[in-house]
Protein backbone atom coordinates (compact mmCIF):
# COMPACT_ATOMS: atom_id res chain seq x y z
CA MET A 1 211.73 -61.89 -15.04
CA ASN A 2 212.86 -61.87 -18.64
CA ALA A 3 212.15 -65.13 -20.70
CA ASP A 4 215.95 -65.92 -20.40
CA ARG A 5 216.22 -66.59 -17.04
CA GLU A 6 213.12 -67.85 -16.93
CA ALA A 7 213.97 -70.77 -19.25
CA ALA A 8 217.41 -71.17 -16.94
CA SER A 9 215.67 -71.62 -13.56
CA VAL A 10 213.66 -74.10 -15.04
CA GLN A 11 215.13 -77.46 -15.53
CA VAL A 12 212.40 -79.22 -17.96
CA GLU A 13 212.68 -83.46 -17.99
CA PRO A 14 211.46 -85.36 -20.82
CA PRO A 15 207.78 -87.25 -20.44
CA LEU A 16 207.79 -90.72 -18.78
CA GLY A 17 205.77 -92.15 -21.60
CA ARG A 18 205.21 -90.20 -25.03
CA LEU A 19 202.60 -88.96 -26.95
CA PRO A 20 202.59 -89.23 -30.94
CA GLY A 21 204.95 -85.67 -31.56
CA ALA A 22 206.25 -85.62 -28.27
CA ALA A 23 209.92 -84.45 -27.63
CA VAL A 24 212.56 -86.61 -27.44
CA PRO A 25 214.39 -87.31 -24.21
CA GLY A 26 217.61 -85.50 -24.04
CA ALA A 27 216.98 -83.45 -27.41
CA ALA A 28 217.46 -79.80 -28.20
CA VAL A 29 214.59 -77.49 -27.01
CA PRO A 30 213.88 -74.16 -27.97
CA GLY A 31 217.17 -71.73 -27.04
CA GLY A 32 219.58 -74.62 -27.85
CA ALA A 33 219.92 -75.91 -24.12
CA ALA A 34 219.19 -80.15 -23.67
CA ALA A 35 216.58 -80.82 -22.22
CA ALA A 36 217.87 -82.38 -18.27
CA PRO A 37 217.85 -86.07 -17.52
CA GLY A 38 214.41 -86.53 -16.22
CA LEU A 39 212.63 -87.81 -13.28
CA ASP A 40 211.41 -91.57 -13.49
CA GLU A 41 208.26 -92.56 -13.12
CA ALA A 42 208.90 -94.34 -9.77
CA ARG A 43 210.47 -90.93 -8.65
CA ALA A 44 207.68 -89.12 -9.93
CA LEU A 45 205.13 -90.91 -8.16
CA GLU A 46 206.96 -91.10 -5.06
CA LEU A 47 207.19 -87.27 -4.82
CA LEU A 48 203.52 -87.04 -5.96
CA ARG A 49 202.52 -89.19 -2.98
CA ARG A 50 203.94 -86.92 -0.62
CA ALA A 51 201.22 -83.94 -1.79
CA GLY A 52 198.08 -83.75 -0.05
CA VAL A 53 196.57 -81.20 -2.88
CA GLY A 54 196.92 -80.93 -6.52
CA ARG A 55 194.93 -79.45 -9.39
CA VAL A 56 192.56 -81.31 -11.59
CA VAL A 57 192.77 -79.56 -15.34
CA TYR A 58 190.01 -79.90 -17.27
CA THR A 59 187.22 -78.36 -20.14
CA VAL A 60 183.70 -77.02 -19.37
CA GLY A 61 182.01 -76.20 -22.43
CA ALA A 62 185.34 -76.00 -24.42
CA LEU A 63 186.57 -73.29 -21.68
CA PRO A 64 189.86 -74.88 -19.27
CA ALA A 65 188.77 -75.38 -15.57
CA VAL A 66 191.49 -75.45 -13.10
CA LEU A 67 190.24 -77.10 -9.60
CA PRO A 68 192.37 -77.25 -6.65
CA VAL A 69 191.55 -81.00 -4.83
CA ARG A 70 192.78 -83.31 -2.23
CA PHE A 71 193.74 -86.47 -3.70
CA ARG A 72 195.30 -90.25 -3.23
CA LEU A 73 197.18 -92.69 -5.27
CA ASP A 74 195.67 -95.99 -5.85
CA PRO A 75 199.16 -98.75 -5.60
CA ILE A 76 199.42 -98.80 -9.89
CA GLY A 77 200.05 -95.00 -9.82
CA GLY A 78 196.18 -93.71 -10.77
CA VAL A 79 194.84 -90.59 -9.25
CA LEU A 80 192.15 -90.78 -7.18
CA LEU A 81 190.17 -87.66 -6.20
CA SER A 82 186.44 -87.65 -4.09
CA THR A 83 183.35 -85.47 -5.25
CA GLU A 84 180.01 -84.82 -5.08
CA PRO A 85 177.88 -87.39 -7.50
CA GLY A 86 176.40 -85.26 -9.94
CA SER A 87 178.89 -82.55 -9.26
CA GLU A 88 179.85 -80.33 -12.20
CA LEU A 89 183.91 -81.77 -12.03
CA ALA A 90 182.44 -85.41 -12.28
CA ARG A 91 179.91 -84.61 -15.44
CA ALA A 92 182.76 -82.67 -17.14
CA VAL A 93 185.55 -85.51 -16.64
CA ASP A 94 183.96 -88.65 -17.03
CA GLY A 95 185.66 -90.45 -19.90
CA ALA A 96 187.73 -87.39 -20.59
CA VAL A 97 191.51 -87.46 -21.39
CA ILE A 98 192.20 -84.87 -18.17
CA ALA A 99 194.95 -83.46 -16.33
CA PHE A 100 196.38 -83.55 -12.94
CA GLU A 101 199.71 -81.39 -11.27
CA ALA A 102 200.72 -81.26 -7.90
CA ASP A 103 203.99 -79.50 -6.35
CA GLU A 104 206.35 -78.34 -3.60
CA VAL A 105 207.85 -75.58 -4.01
CA ASP A 106 210.15 -73.17 -1.54
CA GLY A 107 208.52 -69.83 -1.53
CA ALA A 108 212.16 -68.38 -0.83
CA ASP A 109 214.36 -69.67 -3.49
CA GLY A 110 212.11 -71.54 -6.08
CA THR A 111 212.98 -75.14 -5.57
CA GLY A 112 211.47 -77.83 -5.29
CA TRP A 113 209.60 -80.38 -8.17
CA CYS A 114 206.32 -80.30 -10.27
CA VAL A 115 204.62 -83.63 -11.29
CA THR A 116 201.89 -84.13 -13.78
CA VAL A 117 199.70 -87.14 -15.14
CA LEU A 118 197.63 -87.27 -17.98
CA GLY A 119 195.03 -89.76 -18.53
CA ARG A 120 191.30 -90.78 -18.70
CA ALA A 121 189.27 -90.01 -16.15
CA GLU A 122 186.50 -92.94 -15.05
CA VAL A 123 184.05 -91.92 -12.32
CA ARG A 124 183.22 -94.61 -9.95
CA ARG A 125 179.60 -93.81 -8.54
CA PRO A 126 178.92 -94.27 -4.86
CA SER A 127 176.51 -96.86 -3.64
CA ALA A 128 173.12 -95.94 -2.70
CA VAL A 129 174.23 -94.98 1.20
CA PRO A 130 172.80 -91.17 1.83
CA GLY A 131 175.88 -89.06 2.17
CA ALA A 132 178.24 -91.51 -0.28
CA ARG A 133 180.56 -89.89 -2.53
CA ALA A 134 181.40 -90.15 -6.08
CA GLU A 135 185.35 -91.48 -6.86
CA ILE A 136 187.19 -90.47 -9.95
CA ARG A 137 190.39 -92.34 -11.21
CA ILE A 138 192.58 -90.92 -13.22
CA ALA A 139 194.48 -93.54 -14.92
CA PRO A 140 197.93 -92.68 -15.85
CA GLU A 141 198.69 -92.73 -19.48
CA LEU A 142 201.54 -89.90 -19.31
CA VAL A 143 203.74 -88.92 -15.90
CA VAL A 144 205.88 -85.97 -16.39
CA GLY A 145 208.35 -84.94 -13.46
CA ARG A 146 210.33 -81.39 -13.46
CA HIS A 147 213.14 -80.29 -10.60
CA LEU A 148 212.44 -76.76 -10.14
CA ALA A 149 216.06 -75.02 -10.09
CA PRO A 150 216.92 -72.12 -8.28
CA ASP A 151 216.77 -68.82 -9.44
CA ALA A 152 219.53 -67.25 -10.53
CA ALA A 153 218.93 -63.42 -9.41
């Protein structure tokens, strides 16, 4: 697939929150196209609640790491993960700004959605009960939602 077709097949949604230097919604994007209207935060989180598995993106020794994980959302949109106490994941993410992404994509035509949450992770240590798991909460600081349009083949 060439770059022009690939760019045309994805409708880029502006971020719901804005980090310093982030693009302004509706502003021109590379290639001269205007950014499509974005998903609002409520809709993005509603879609995210439908997914059972996502990917947490973090760093280990300054190298990127991506791990598929089961997750759930708390009532205010925080992403909750469960892991073994003392796991590499728990050690790597505690206090770090990380990304979490989940999506639903139709394999036949490529349509669907993708939601990314950026935020600081907090590892909550388990109780002293044997077998208890640690919980990781990603506090949402930026939520970005995108619709994936059908591929114009």
